[in-house]
């Protein structure tokens, strides 16, 4: 009995050691549990990790958060599976991290991610669609303020649910025609602040759901007539601060939902090519479908500073560069005068003044029409023309006559040097007042140049 009791007592004394050893072995076999709020981050809300401006060079390990803010750190690059162990992450802030390089598998395992901010980094190129392939649930992607110069074709084709894409403030000078392939659900696209000088015709075709497009602060000098033809839901469009001088007449024909249009800050040439735009703007303003649009003329100099919607069509003349007007927009060449001897609608070519001849000495001379002397204080209200009125062939010398009550005539009559210079630049030469009018006292401004029909 004593031996049995002694054995039991020894067994009881050794039991804690045995159990402790077994428990230690069990702990060694269990996976490590990540802290709910790792140092040096904060957790103001449950499952939301705040690690902004902590000088981090690697992604911290945490217990399955839904939101992670890592902006303002120094990650530099993101390797494969950089966010492993975070399968339930919904939003991720990585802006201002000096990121120069992204591995193709950097976002592996983030199938639930909806929001990704990579703005303010140092990326110069994104070419591989596999980079964003794991992010099937992504709704917002911000890539603004990088140094992006190149986007690969089909880069975003694995993001079927993307609604907002920002590429503003980069150095993109050109885009591949299929750069936005697969973005049928995209509603907002920001391309402002780049170096784009042209848009491929098919670039925006996949964006059938697009509602807002910002192309401001680029170098766009021309737009294809079908550039926005496949955007039936477009409501807001900004083209401000580009290098546009004119726009195709049918550019907005397929944009019935357009409500906000920004065109200011361009080098608009107010000539016959903008007549269709002027009429379209007037119609949509009258229907209350469009907010005020400012189109301020830079050329010709005679109209510089004026706004397109205040100009009559008669002042929208041929383009300064000699380009043809669109069909139906060619300006009418018509003489406006009180007493015209040329046939209606024609201006006679300029000819040097010759001594008056009597009807008898010239078989072709027309009888002079008696004219009452003009009142000395009366302000001229019309323009007179020379007696000769032979028609001219296309490309021949032809006189362009301006009505004396037009802004150009008034400016020249007052000695406005800029107005005179504008006429020289546009037509080649300005004849002195009175050179096309035999009527003393009448104001005549004659501009001579080469014109076609």
Foldseek 3Di string as FASTA:
>chain_A
DVVVVVVVVVVVVCVVVVVVVVVVVVVVPDDDAFAQADPPWDDPDGLAIGQAQVQDQADDDHQQGQHYEHDHYAVQEAEAPSPPNRLNHAEYHHAHHQHAYYYLRRCPNPQNYAYYEHAHYAYAEQADLSNCQSPQNYAEYEHAHYAHAYYHACNPQNHQNHAYYEHAHYAHAAYDLRRPPNPQNHAEYEHYHYAHQAYPQNNCQSPQNYAEYEHYHYAHAAYDLNNCQNHQNHAYYEHAQYAYAAYALNNCVNHPNHAEYEHYNYAHAQALQCPSVLVVVVVCVVVVRYDDYFDAHCPDLLRHRPTNNVDDLQPRAATQVRDDHPPPRHHQQFFWFDDELAPGRFAAFFDFDDDDDDCVVDVPDDDDDDDDADDLPDDAFFAYFANDHDDDAAFDKGKRWDGCPDSLNVCVVVVNPSSLVSLCSRAPHKDDFPRGHPHPPHTTTIRIHTGGD
